[in-house]
Amino acid sequence: MQNDASALLFPNFEPFRRQVGEIEIAGVQGGSGPPLLLLHGHPQSHLIWHKVAPVLADHFTVIATDLRGYGSSSAPPGNGGHESYSKRAMAQDQVALMASMGFERFALCGHDRGARVSHRLCMDHPQAVTRAMLLDIAPTLAMYERTSMAFAAAYWHWFFLIQPAPFPETLINAEPEFYINKLMGLRHAGLSPFAPDAMAAYVGAMRDPARVHAMCEDYRAAATIDLEHDRADREAGRKLELPLRVLWGEHGVVARCFDTLPLWEELASDVSGKAVACGHYIPEEAPEALLEEMFGFFR
């Protein structure tokens, strides 16, 4: 189903599935020019970029991938320390993939979970990234350390998915479509921004118990080993040195609960950002505004 939707929504792109270490990463590639890697969020796939990727492909070589555990990429089992779904491991996947395609340096844009992978990728592999854009996240460590009742109520899935296996997996597997429709539909714009073919693909992937487990492991890692990595950076005084642009939806939970730009200014030496007139799902809710930002920043 992912492949069918991808062929429909990315008509001039080439699909790929490449071996990267012990797993395979799937995605699409199209266009020509400087390489630009696009990383999606939960519970979605590379399909989130279908409204912007064809336009970007007129100016960039666009590579939109599925993170490990998502879409059509491999979904290896988790382990006790959740290392296999750490953002460090997920970032390494993407660096290795890009190198296998001949791109040792590239621009990077990530949304939601993909933005958290992008943050770690820039920290661990600064030589690989020319400039990066993060969409609708505050730093993971700050979000956990500054959790409020309002944030916990709105981002309930952050605290549900981190429960020990197989508790959340069992409940999601019982009604995967109900889970996705509630998670995505309760946000600012409801389900209206999402193409039916994309939504069907998101639901189809969620019907795979291995993928549901992988998504839970992504969140378990974020609440454990990822925080260890972030705290180690903070204690060592490491900051992002590359040009960083952060955007957030003015009607989203991140904007409501966090002072986003100052939080990133604590972690990066060259950062700018602004709110966009939409909710959380910027690539699908506000593609024109996102394209304007991307061309202004990446060109």
Protein backbone atom coordinates (compact mmCIF):
# COMPACT_ATOMS: atom_id res chain seq x y z
CA MET A 1 0.00 0.00 0.00
CA GLN A 2 2.88 2.38 0.76
CA ASN A 3 4.34 1.65 -2.67
CA ASP A 4 1.02 2.18 -4.44
CA ALA A 5 0.46 5.51 -2.71
CA SER A 6 4.06 6.54 -3.35
CA ALA A 7 3.77 5.87 -7.08
CA LEU A 8 0.58 7.94 -7.19
CA LEU A 9 1.77 10.84 -5.05
CA PHE A 10 5.38 10.98 -6.33
CA PRO A 11 4.87 10.30 -10.06
CA ASN A 12 8.32 11.43 -11.27
CA PHE A 13 10.32 9.96 -8.40
CA GLU A 14 12.20 6.67 -8.32
CA PRO A 15 11.41 4.36 -5.41
CA PHE A 16 14.30 2.63 -3.66
CA ARG A 17 14.98 0.16 -0.89
CA ARG A 18 18.64 0.04 0.15
CA GLN A 19 20.57 -2.12 2.56
CA VAL A 20 22.01 0.04 5.35
CA GLY A 21 23.87 -2.01 7.92
CA GLU A 22 21.55 -4.74 9.13
CA ILE A 23 18.33 -3.14 7.89
CA GLU A 24 16.83 -1.69 4.71
CA ILE A 25 15.69 1.90 4.29
CA ALA A 26 12.96 2.66 1.75
CA GLY A 27 12.07 5.93 0.10
CA VAL A 28 11.92 7.91 -3.12
CA GLN A 29 14.40 10.06 -5.03
CA GLY A 30 13.72 12.69 -7.66
CA GLY A 31 14.94 15.89 -9.24
CA SER A 32 18.43 17.28 -9.71
CA GLY A 33 20.69 19.72 -7.95
CA PRO A 34 22.08 19.81 -4.40
CA PRO A 35 20.92 16.87 -2.25
CA LEU A 36 18.09 17.49 0.22
CA LEU A 37 17.03 14.77 2.67
CA LEU A 38 13.46 14.84 4.02
CA LEU A 39 12.50 12.93 7.19
CA HIS A 40 8.90 12.38 8.31
CA GLY A 41 7.22 12.00 11.70
CA HIS A 42 4.84 9.68 13.58
CA PRO A 43 2.74 7.79 12.60
CA GLN A 44 3.46 8.62 8.98
CA SER A 45 6.06 7.98 6.25
CA HIS A 46 7.81 9.79 3.40
CA LEU A 47 4.35 10.40 1.95
CA ILE A 48 4.00 13.55 4.10
CA TRP A 49 6.19 15.39 1.59
CA HIS A 50 4.03 14.78 -1.50
CA LYS A 51 2.73 18.38 -1.61
CA VAL A 52 6.22 19.92 -1.58
CA ALA A 53 8.66 17.34 -2.99
CA PRO A 54 7.70 17.72 -6.69
CA VAL A 55 8.31 21.49 -6.50
CA LEU A 56 11.56 21.04 -4.59
CA ALA A 57 12.72 18.53 -7.21
CA ASP A 58 12.97 21.35 -9.76
CA HIS A 59 15.89 22.72 -7.74
CA PHE A 60 17.21 19.88 -5.55
CA THR A 61 17.91 16.18 -5.66
CA VAL A 62 15.19 15.23 -3.19
CA ILE A 63 15.50 12.06 -1.11
CA ALA A 64 12.48 11.33 1.09
CA THR A 65 12.89 8.24 3.25
CA ASP A 66 10.97 6.13 5.73
CA LEU A 67 12.64 6.03 9.14
CA ARG A 68 13.43 2.58 10.51
CA GLY A 69 10.22 1.07 11.83
CA TYR A 70 8.02 3.26 9.64
CA GLY A 71 6.51 3.05 6.16
CA SER A 72 8.27 0.40 4.10
CA SER A 73 11.63 0.44 5.89
CA SER A 74 12.74 -2.46 8.07
CA ALA A 75 11.19 -2.71 11.53
CA PRO A 76 13.73 -4.64 13.63
CA PRO A 77 12.67 -5.74 17.13
CA GLY A 78 13.51 -3.49 20.04
CA ASN A 79 15.86 -4.40 22.86
CA GLY A 80 16.02 -3.83 26.60
CA GLY A 81 17.84 -0.50 26.42
CA HIS A 82 15.90 0.69 23.35
CA GLU A 83 19.22 1.38 21.57
CA SER A 84 17.92 0.03 18.27
CA TYR A 85 15.43 2.91 18.10
CA SER A 86 17.62 5.60 19.58
CA LYS A 87 17.76 8.72 17.46
CA ARG A 88 21.49 8.02 17.22
CA ALA A 89 20.80 4.69 15.46
CA MET A 90 18.08 6.21 13.29
CA ALA A 91 20.35 9.10 12.31
CA GLN A 92 23.17 6.69 11.43
CA ASP A 93 20.77 4.91 9.07
CA GLN A 94 20.20 8.12 7.14
CA VAL A 95 23.86 9.17 6.97
CA ALA A 96 24.80 5.72 5.69
CA LEU A 97 21.97 5.78 3.16
CA MET A 98 23.01 9.16 1.79
CA ALA A 99 26.66 8.07 1.57
CA SER A 100 25.59 4.95 -0.34
CA MET A 101 23.92 7.26 -2.86
CA GLY A 102 27.08 9.34 -3.22
CA PHE A 103 25.98 12.21 -0.98
CA GLU A 104 28.56 12.80 1.75
CA ARG A 105 27.07 16.24 2.49
CA PHE A 106 23.46 17.28 2.16
CA ALA A 107 20.77 19.65 3.38
CA LEU A 108 18.23 18.26 5.81
CA CYS A 109 14.61 18.91 6.76
CA GLY A 110 12.72 16.88 9.35
CA HIS A 111 9.21 16.98 10.79
CA ASP A 112 8.16 15.65 14.19
CA ARG A 113 10.09 12.39 14.89
CA GLY A 114 12.11 13.07 11.75
CA ALA A 115 13.11 16.42 13.22
CA ARG A 116 14.34 14.65 16.38
CA VAL A 117 16.37 12.29 14.21
CA SER A 118 17.63 15.37 12.34
CA HIS A 119 18.71 17.03 15.58
CA ARG A 120 20.74 13.96 16.57
CA LEU A 121 22.12 13.59 13.03
CA CYS A 122 23.43 17.15 13.10
CA MET A 123 24.99 16.61 16.53
CA ASP A 124 26.63 13.27 15.69
CA HIS A 125 27.55 13.98 12.05
CA PRO A 126 28.10 17.75 11.71
CA GLN A 127 30.36 17.22 8.71
CA ALA A 128 27.48 15.63 6.77
CA VAL A 129 24.93 18.45 6.95
CA THR A 130 25.17 21.81 5.20
CA ARG A 131 22.10 23.32 6.87
CA ALA A 132 19.02 21.94 8.61
CA MET A 133 15.36 22.82 9.11
CA LEU A 134 13.28 21.36 11.98
CA LEU A 135 9.48 21.41 11.84
CA ASP A 136 7.24 21.73 14.90
CA ILE A 137 9.38 20.38 17.69
CA ALA A 138 11.06 21.78 20.76
CA PRO A 139 14.14 19.88 21.97
CA THR A 140 13.19 16.48 23.38
CA LEU A 141 15.03 17.00 26.66
CA ALA A 142 13.36 20.36 27.25
CA MET A 143 9.93 18.95 26.47
CA TYR A 144 10.30 16.15 29.01
CA GLU A 145 11.95 18.31 31.68
CA ARG A 146 9.34 21.06 31.32
CA THR A 147 6.24 18.89 30.93
CA SER A 148 3.05 20.56 32.11
CA MET A 149 -0.48 19.27 32.57
CA ALA A 150 -1.46 21.00 29.30
CA PHE A 151 1.36 19.31 27.39
CA ALA A 152 0.75 15.88 28.91
CA ALA A 153 -2.96 16.09 28.09
CA ALA A 154 -2.37 17.17 24.48
CA TYR A 155 0.60 14.87 23.79
CA TRP A 156 -0.91 11.91 25.63
CA HIS A 157 0.68 9.50 23.12
CA TRP A 158 4.16 10.46 24.40
CA PHE A 159 3.27 8.87 27.74
CA PHE A 160 1.11 6.05 26.39
CA LEU A 161 3.61 4.69 23.86
CA ILE A 162 6.49 4.55 26.36
CA GLN A 163 4.66 2.07 28.59
CA PRO A 164 6.35 -1.37 28.73
CA ALA A 165 5.59 -3.80 25.93
CA PRO A 166 3.16 -5.23 25.06
CA PHE A 167 0.69 -2.84 26.71
CA PRO A 168 0.42 -0.07 24.09
CA GLU A 169 1.09 -2.50 21.23
CA THR A 170 -1.86 -4.69 22.25
CA LEU A 171 -4.29 -1.79 22.40
CA ILE A 172 -3.15 -0.26 19.08
CA ASN A 173 -3.17 -3.63 17.31
CA ALA A 174 -6.81 -4.06 18.30
CA GLU A 175 -7.89 -0.87 16.47
CA PRO A 176 -5.01 0.64 14.44
CA GLU A 177 -7.26 2.84 12.30
CA PHE A 178 -9.00 4.22 15.39
CA TYR A 179 -5.61 5.08 16.91
CA ILE A 180 -4.38 6.94 13.83
CA ASN A 181 -7.64 8.79 13.27
CA LYS A 182 -7.69 10.00 16.86
CA LEU A 183 -3.99 10.85 17.04
CA MET A 184 -3.99 12.83 13.80
CA GLY A 185 -7.61 13.95 13.70
CA LEU A 186 -7.69 15.57 17.15
CA ARG A 187 -5.09 18.17 16.10
CA HIS A 188 -5.84 21.68 14.85
CA ALA A 189 -6.91 20.89 11.27
CA GLY A 190 -8.56 17.51 11.80
CA LEU A 191 -8.08 14.95 9.04
CA SER A 192 -8.79 17.32 6.15
CA PRO A 193 -5.13 18.05 5.18
CA PHE A 194 -4.30 14.39 4.52
CA ALA A 195 -4.66 12.83 1.08
CA PRO A 196 -6.88 9.72 1.24
CA ASP A 197 -4.19 7.58 -0.39
CA ALA A 198 -1.63 8.76 2.16
CA MET A 199 -3.98 8.10 5.07
CA ALA A 200 -4.74 4.62 3.76
CA ALA A 201 -1.00 3.93 3.59
CA TYR A 202 -0.43 5.20 7.14
CA VAL A 203 -3.21 2.93 8.40
CA GLY A 204 -1.93 0.01 6.34
CA ALA A 205 1.52 0.25 7.90
CA MET A 206 -0.04 0.42 11.37
CA ARG A 207 -1.76 -2.91 10.73
CA ASP A 208 1.66 -4.60 10.94
CA PRO A 209 2.32 -5.53 14.60
CA ALA A 210 6.10 -5.32 14.03
CA ARG A 211 5.69 -1.72 12.91
CA VAL A 212 3.47 -0.85 15.86
CA HIS A 213 6.16 -2.27 18.17
CA ALA A 214 8.82 -0.25 16.34
CA MET A 215 6.87 2.99 16.75
CA CYS A 216 6.48 2.33 20.47
CA GLU A 217 10.21 1.65 20.70
CA ASP A 218 10.89 4.99 18.99
CA TYR A 219 9.06 6.72 21.85
CA ARG A 220 10.56 4.49 24.56
CA ALA A 221 14.00 5.42 23.27
CA ALA A 222 13.06 9.11 23.34
CA ALA A 223 12.20 8.85 27.04
CA THR A 224 15.37 6.93 27.98
CA ILE A 225 18.53 6.59 25.90
CA ASP A 226 17.86 9.70 23.80
CA LEU A 227 17.69 11.79 26.97
CA GLU A 228 21.03 10.31 28.06
CA HIS A 229 22.57 11.40 24.76
CA ASP A 230 21.03 14.87 25.02
CA ARG A 231 22.22 15.30 28.61
CA ALA A 232 25.73 14.23 27.61
CA ASP A 233 25.74 16.95 24.94
CA ARG A 234 24.54 19.52 27.46
CA GLU A 235 27.12 18.55 30.06
CA ALA A 236 29.90 18.68 27.46
CA GLY A 237 28.71 22.07 26.18
CA ARG A 238 28.21 20.75 22.64
CA LYS A 239 26.06 22.92 20.38
CA LEU A 240 24.90 22.78 16.80
CA GLU A 241 27.14 25.04 14.72
CA LEU A 242 25.47 24.76 11.30
CA PRO A 243 22.74 27.14 10.08
CA LEU A 244 19.50 25.95 11.69
CA ARG A 245 15.96 27.08 10.87
CA VAL A 246 13.06 26.07 13.12
CA LEU A 247 9.39 26.42 12.21
CA TRP A 248 6.36 25.61 14.31
CA GLY A 249 2.62 25.70 13.77
CA GLU A 250 1.11 28.69 15.53
CA HIS A 251 -2.00 26.63 16.34
CA GLY A 252 -0.06 23.59 17.57
CA VAL A 253 0.75 22.16 20.97
CA VAL A 254 4.45 23.05 20.72
CA ALA A 255 3.61 26.72 20.27
CA ARG A 256 1.09 26.60 23.11
CA CYS A 257 3.32 24.86 25.65
CA PHE A 258 6.90 25.90 24.85
CA ASP A 259 8.89 29.02 23.98
CA THR A 260 10.35 27.26 20.97
CA LEU A 261 13.01 29.56 19.54
CA PRO A 262 14.80 30.36 22.83
CA LEU A 263 14.98 26.62 23.59
CA TRP A 264 16.77 26.02 20.30
CA GLU A 265 19.00 29.05 20.87
CA GLU A 266 20.31 27.22 23.94
CA LEU A 267 21.42 24.33 21.69
CA ALA A 268 22.53 26.04 18.48
CA SER A 269 24.82 28.97 17.68
CA ASP A 270 23.21 29.96 14.35
CA VAL A 271 19.45 29.54 14.63
CA SER A 272 16.41 31.42 13.39
CA GLY A 273 12.74 30.56 13.27
CA LYS A 274 9.11 31.59 13.20
CA ALA A 275 5.56 30.34 13.55
CA VAL A 276 3.60 29.24 10.50
CA ALA A 277 -0.17 29.73 10.21
CA CYS A 278 -1.16 26.08 10.71
CA GLY A 279 -1.12 23.27 13.24
CA HIS A 280 1.35 20.44 13.72
CA TYR A 281 1.42 18.89 10.24
CA ILE A 282 3.18 21.71 8.41
CA PRO A 283 4.08 19.83 5.16
CA GLU A 284 0.46 18.82 4.63
CA GLU A 285 -1.35 21.79 6.20
CA ALA A 286 0.77 24.65 4.85
CA PRO A 287 2.81 23.41 1.88
CA GLU A 288 3.03 26.80 0.15
CA ALA A 289 4.36 28.52 3.27
CA LEU A 290 6.80 25.68 3.83
CA LEU A 291 8.07 25.87 0.24
CA GLU A 292 8.66 29.60 0.60
CA GLU A 293 10.65 28.96 3.77
CA MET A 294 12.62 26.08 2.26
CA PHE A 295 13.60 27.99 -0.86
CA GLY A 296 14.59 30.99 1.21
CA PHE A 297 16.72 28.90 3.55
CA PHE A 298 18.19 26.11 1.42
CA ARG A 299 18.92 28.15 -1.73
